[in-house]
Amino acid sequence: MDSEEIYKEMADSIVELDQEKALSLANRALDENMDLLAVIEKGFGEGIRRVGDLWDEGEFFLPELMSGAQIMQKSVDIITPKLQSSGSERQSLGKILLATIEGDIHSIGKTIVATMLRANGFHVIDIGTDVKAEKIVEEAIKEDVDIIGVSTLLTTTMINQKKVIEILEKKKVRDKFKVIFGGAPVTQGWVDECNADGYAENAVESVKLAKNLL
């Protein structure tokens, strides 16, 4: 079996939500000294992109999307140590910091977004849930990111998203970052009111938005 056929099997394993097969193929990639960047791009990354497309088309629902994202992440986790030790670095489209805002502990949506962004070539720094606006800005400056993504699932914590913009403006660093919002209650009107740079309704749209902003 040539490399292209193996890449296709990897992608198919993600779409079929077959974790056992995916992890086996990840280990095979190590055993056979395959091009690990290509394994991510053409194999598992292609699989999660197809899962995203199926979700976008209404063929997959949230459980399938989440499962696909988790399997893809576990597969990539197997090969990441070897990739790092070999000195290979995947060319990044940009650096993105993600967080769920203070008062909200929901992480599923953010985790899916992070996985999709990584699969599409972004360097993602996920600092978790229930994160204060001040901490988000502090980490964004420290890590010198291109985009700050702030998620919330609760209408009661949306106001804390706005705080991120206000702190950036107060520190006179607003122009250094693109700021995007995510979460069920977020609308274009809210984004405009906060002077943010955009929002995405789902993980697929978040990738398109990030690419457009950069």
Protein backbone atom coordinates (compact mmCIF):
# COMPACT_ATOMS: atom_id res chain seq x y z
CA MET A 1 0.00 0.00 0.00
CA ASP A 2 1.51 3.36 -0.98
CA SER A 3 1.46 6.51 1.13
CA GLU A 4 -1.54 8.08 -0.61
CA GLU A 5 -3.65 5.01 0.13
CA ILE A 6 -2.61 5.12 3.78
CA TYR A 7 -3.49 8.82 3.98
CA LYS A 8 -6.92 7.98 2.60
CA GLU A 9 -7.36 5.24 5.20
CA MET A 10 -6.43 7.71 7.92
CA ALA A 11 -8.97 10.24 6.68
CA ASP A 12 -11.62 7.54 6.35
CA SER A 13 -10.98 6.34 9.91
CA ILE A 14 -11.84 9.81 11.23
CA VAL A 15 -14.98 10.10 9.08
CA GLU A 16 -16.05 6.59 10.13
CA LEU A 17 -15.35 7.51 13.79
CA ASP A 18 -13.19 4.38 14.05
CA GLN A 19 -10.78 5.21 16.88
CA GLU A 20 -9.09 1.80 16.95
CA LYS A 21 -8.25 2.03 13.26
CA ALA A 22 -7.11 5.65 13.53
CA LEU A 23 -4.73 4.99 16.42
CA SER A 24 -3.37 1.89 14.70
CA LEU A 25 -2.63 3.93 11.58
CA ALA A 26 -0.94 6.64 13.65
CA ASN A 27 1.37 4.04 15.17
CA ARG A 28 1.98 2.57 11.72
CA ALA A 29 3.08 6.00 10.51
CA LEU A 30 5.74 6.01 13.24
CA ASP A 31 6.83 2.42 12.57
CA GLU A 32 7.23 3.09 8.84
CA ASN A 33 8.90 6.49 9.27
CA MET A 34 6.28 8.23 7.18
CA ASP A 35 6.30 11.97 6.53
CA LEU A 36 4.48 13.04 9.70
CA LEU A 37 3.57 16.48 8.39
CA ALA A 38 1.87 14.82 5.44
CA VAL A 39 0.20 12.35 7.81
CA ILE A 40 -1.41 15.32 9.60
CA GLU A 41 -2.24 17.30 6.47
CA LYS A 42 -3.31 14.57 4.06
CA GLY A 43 -4.46 11.98 6.58
CA PHE A 44 -6.04 12.88 9.88
CA GLY A 45 -6.42 16.57 9.08
CA GLU A 46 -8.25 15.76 5.88
CA GLY A 47 -10.51 13.44 7.85
CA ILE A 48 -11.56 16.07 10.37
CA ARG A 49 -12.13 18.59 7.58
CA ARG A 50 -14.50 16.11 5.95
CA VAL A 51 -16.23 15.59 9.31
CA GLY A 52 -16.63 19.36 9.53
CA ASP A 53 -18.12 19.48 6.05
CA LEU A 54 -20.59 16.72 6.93
CA TRP A 55 -21.63 18.65 10.04
CA ASP A 56 -21.98 21.83 8.01
CA GLU A 57 -24.22 19.94 5.55
CA GLY A 58 -26.39 18.52 8.33
CA GLU A 59 -25.23 14.93 7.78
CA PHE A 60 -23.39 14.81 11.11
CA PHE A 61 -24.56 16.18 14.45
CA LEU A 62 -22.69 17.42 17.51
CA PRO A 63 -21.91 13.94 18.97
CA GLU A 64 -20.32 12.83 15.67
CA LEU A 65 -18.41 16.09 15.32
CA MET A 66 -17.09 15.85 18.87
CA SER A 67 -16.16 12.20 18.47
CA GLY A 68 -14.32 12.87 15.22
CA ALA A 69 -12.43 15.75 16.81
CA GLN A 70 -11.40 13.61 19.80
CA ILE A 71 -10.21 10.72 17.62
CA MET A 72 -8.25 13.08 15.40
CA GLN A 73 -6.61 14.72 18.43
CA LYS A 74 -5.66 11.36 19.97
CA SER A 75 -4.17 10.25 16.65
CA VAL A 76 -2.12 13.44 16.29
CA ASP A 77 -1.01 13.17 19.94
CA ILE A 78 0.66 9.85 19.10
CA ILE A 79 2.89 11.35 16.42
CA THR A 80 3.49 14.80 17.94
CA PRO A 81 6.42 13.79 20.20
CA LYS A 82 8.31 12.30 17.23
CA LEU A 83 7.51 15.34 15.12
CA GLN A 84 8.87 17.68 17.79
CA SER A 85 11.98 15.61 18.50
CA SER A 86 12.86 15.48 14.82
CA GLY A 87 12.87 19.26 14.71
CA SER A 88 10.15 19.40 12.08
CA GLU A 89 7.84 22.31 12.44
CA ARG A 90 4.66 22.63 10.55
CA GLN A 91 4.34 26.02 8.88
CA SER A 92 1.65 27.85 10.81
CA LEU A 93 -1.00 30.05 9.24
CA GLY A 94 -1.07 32.09 12.44
CA LYS A 95 -1.19 31.88 16.22
CA ILE A 96 -4.57 31.85 17.97
CA LEU A 97 -5.37 32.02 21.67
CA LEU A 98 -8.67 30.45 22.74
CA ALA A 99 -10.52 30.70 26.05
CA THR A 100 -13.99 30.35 27.49
CA ILE A 101 -14.72 33.56 29.38
CA GLU A 102 -15.02 33.95 33.16
CA GLY A 103 -18.23 32.53 34.58
CA ASP A 104 -18.60 29.81 31.93
CA ILE A 105 -17.11 26.31 32.22
CA HIS A 106 -18.35 24.95 28.87
CA SER A 107 -15.50 23.53 26.79
CA ILE A 108 -16.91 21.21 24.11
CA GLY A 109 -17.42 23.89 21.46
CA LYS A 110 -14.04 25.46 22.11
CA THR A 111 -12.32 22.08 21.98
CA ILE A 112 -13.85 21.32 18.60
CA VAL A 113 -12.86 24.74 17.29
CA ALA A 114 -9.30 24.26 18.55
CA THR A 115 -9.01 20.87 16.86
CA MET A 116 -10.40 22.17 13.57
CA LEU A 117 -8.05 25.17 13.60
CA ARG A 118 -5.05 22.93 14.30
CA ALA A 119 -6.10 20.58 11.51
CA ASN A 120 -6.14 23.52 9.13
CA GLY A 121 -2.65 24.72 10.00
CA PHE A 122 -3.05 27.17 12.88
CA HIS A 123 -0.99 27.18 16.07
CA VAL A 124 -3.60 27.13 18.84
CA ILE A 125 -3.04 28.02 22.49
CA ASP A 126 -6.06 26.91 24.52
CA ILE A 127 -5.98 28.38 28.04
CA GLY A 128 -9.16 26.71 29.23
CA THR A 129 -12.52 27.73 30.66
CA ASP A 130 -13.74 30.28 33.21
CA VAL A 131 -10.84 32.59 32.32
CA LYS A 132 -10.83 36.22 33.40
CA ALA A 133 -10.64 38.86 30.66
CA GLU A 134 -7.47 40.25 32.22
CA LYS A 135 -5.81 36.81 32.01
CA ILE A 136 -6.82 36.40 28.37
CA VAL A 137 -5.23 39.72 27.43
CA GLU A 138 -2.14 38.97 29.51
CA GLU A 139 -1.61 35.62 27.78
CA ALA A 140 -2.30 37.07 24.32
CA ILE A 141 0.40 39.69 24.82
CA LYS A 142 2.81 37.18 26.35
CA GLU A 143 2.36 34.66 23.51
CA ASP A 144 2.26 37.37 20.82
CA VAL A 145 -0.76 35.80 19.12
CA ASP A 146 -2.49 37.02 15.98
CA ILE A 147 -6.07 36.24 17.01
CA ILE A 148 -7.87 36.10 20.35
CA GLY A 149 -10.93 33.84 20.37
CA VAL A 150 -13.34 34.18 23.30
CA SER A 151 -16.21 31.75 23.78
CA THR A 152 -19.31 31.74 25.94
CA LEU A 153 -22.46 29.64 25.98
CA LEU A 154 -24.27 31.77 28.56
CA THR A 155 -25.97 35.10 27.95
CA THR A 156 -25.06 36.10 31.52
CA THR A 157 -21.33 35.98 30.76
CA MET A 158 -21.38 37.71 27.37
CA ILE A 159 -20.56 41.03 29.02
CA ASN A 160 -17.21 39.55 30.02
CA GLN A 161 -16.36 39.07 26.35
CA LYS A 162 -16.71 42.82 25.94
CA LYS A 163 -14.23 43.32 28.81
CA VAL A 164 -11.50 41.76 26.68
CA ILE A 165 -11.90 44.51 24.08
CA GLU A 166 -12.05 47.21 26.75
CA ILE A 167 -8.83 46.00 28.40
CA LEU A 168 -7.03 45.83 25.05
CA GLU A 169 -8.11 49.39 24.31
CA LYS A 170 -7.08 50.58 27.77
CA LYS A 171 -3.63 49.04 27.30
CA LYS A 172 -3.45 50.62 23.83
CA VAL A 173 -2.79 47.26 22.16
CA ARG A 174 -6.17 46.72 20.48
CA ASP A 175 -4.65 47.09 17.01
CA LYS A 176 -2.19 44.25 17.66
CA PHE A 177 -4.88 41.57 17.73
CA LYS A 178 -7.93 40.37 15.85
CA VAL A 179 -10.62 39.43 18.37
CA ILE A 180 -13.33 36.93 17.53
CA PHE A 181 -16.26 35.72 19.61
CA GLY A 182 -18.02 32.38 19.66
CA GLY A 183 -20.92 30.73 21.41
CA ALA A 184 -24.63 30.20 20.98
CA PRO A 185 -25.81 33.64 22.18
CA VAL A 186 -23.30 35.62 20.10
CA THR A 187 -24.64 37.62 17.15
CA GLN A 188 -23.19 40.04 14.61
CA GLY A 189 -24.94 42.81 16.48
CA TRP A 190 -23.09 41.91 19.68
CA VAL A 191 -19.80 41.77 17.81
CA ASP A 192 -20.45 45.23 16.36
CA GLU A 193 -21.43 46.63 19.75
CA CYS A 194 -18.21 45.31 21.30
CA ASN A 195 -16.02 46.43 18.40
CA ALA A 196 -14.78 42.88 17.89
CA ASP A 197 -13.58 41.60 14.51
CA GLY A 198 -16.03 38.78 13.87
CA TYR A 199 -17.82 35.69 15.14
CA ALA A 200 -18.39 32.17 13.96
CA GLU A 201 -21.51 30.07 14.42
CA ASN A 202 -19.60 26.79 14.28
CA ALA A 203 -16.15 25.24 14.05
CA VAL A 204 -16.12 25.21 10.25
CA GLU A 205 -16.98 28.91 10.10
CA SER A 206 -14.30 29.69 12.69
CA VAL A 207 -11.63 28.31 10.35
CA LYS A 208 -12.94 30.38 7.45
CA LEU A 209 -13.09 33.48 9.65
CA ALA A 210 -9.53 33.02 10.93
CA LYS A 211 -8.20 32.57 7.41
CA ASN A 212 -10.03 35.67 6.20
CA LEU A 213 -8.79 37.81 9.08
CA LEU A 214 -5.18 36.82 8.45
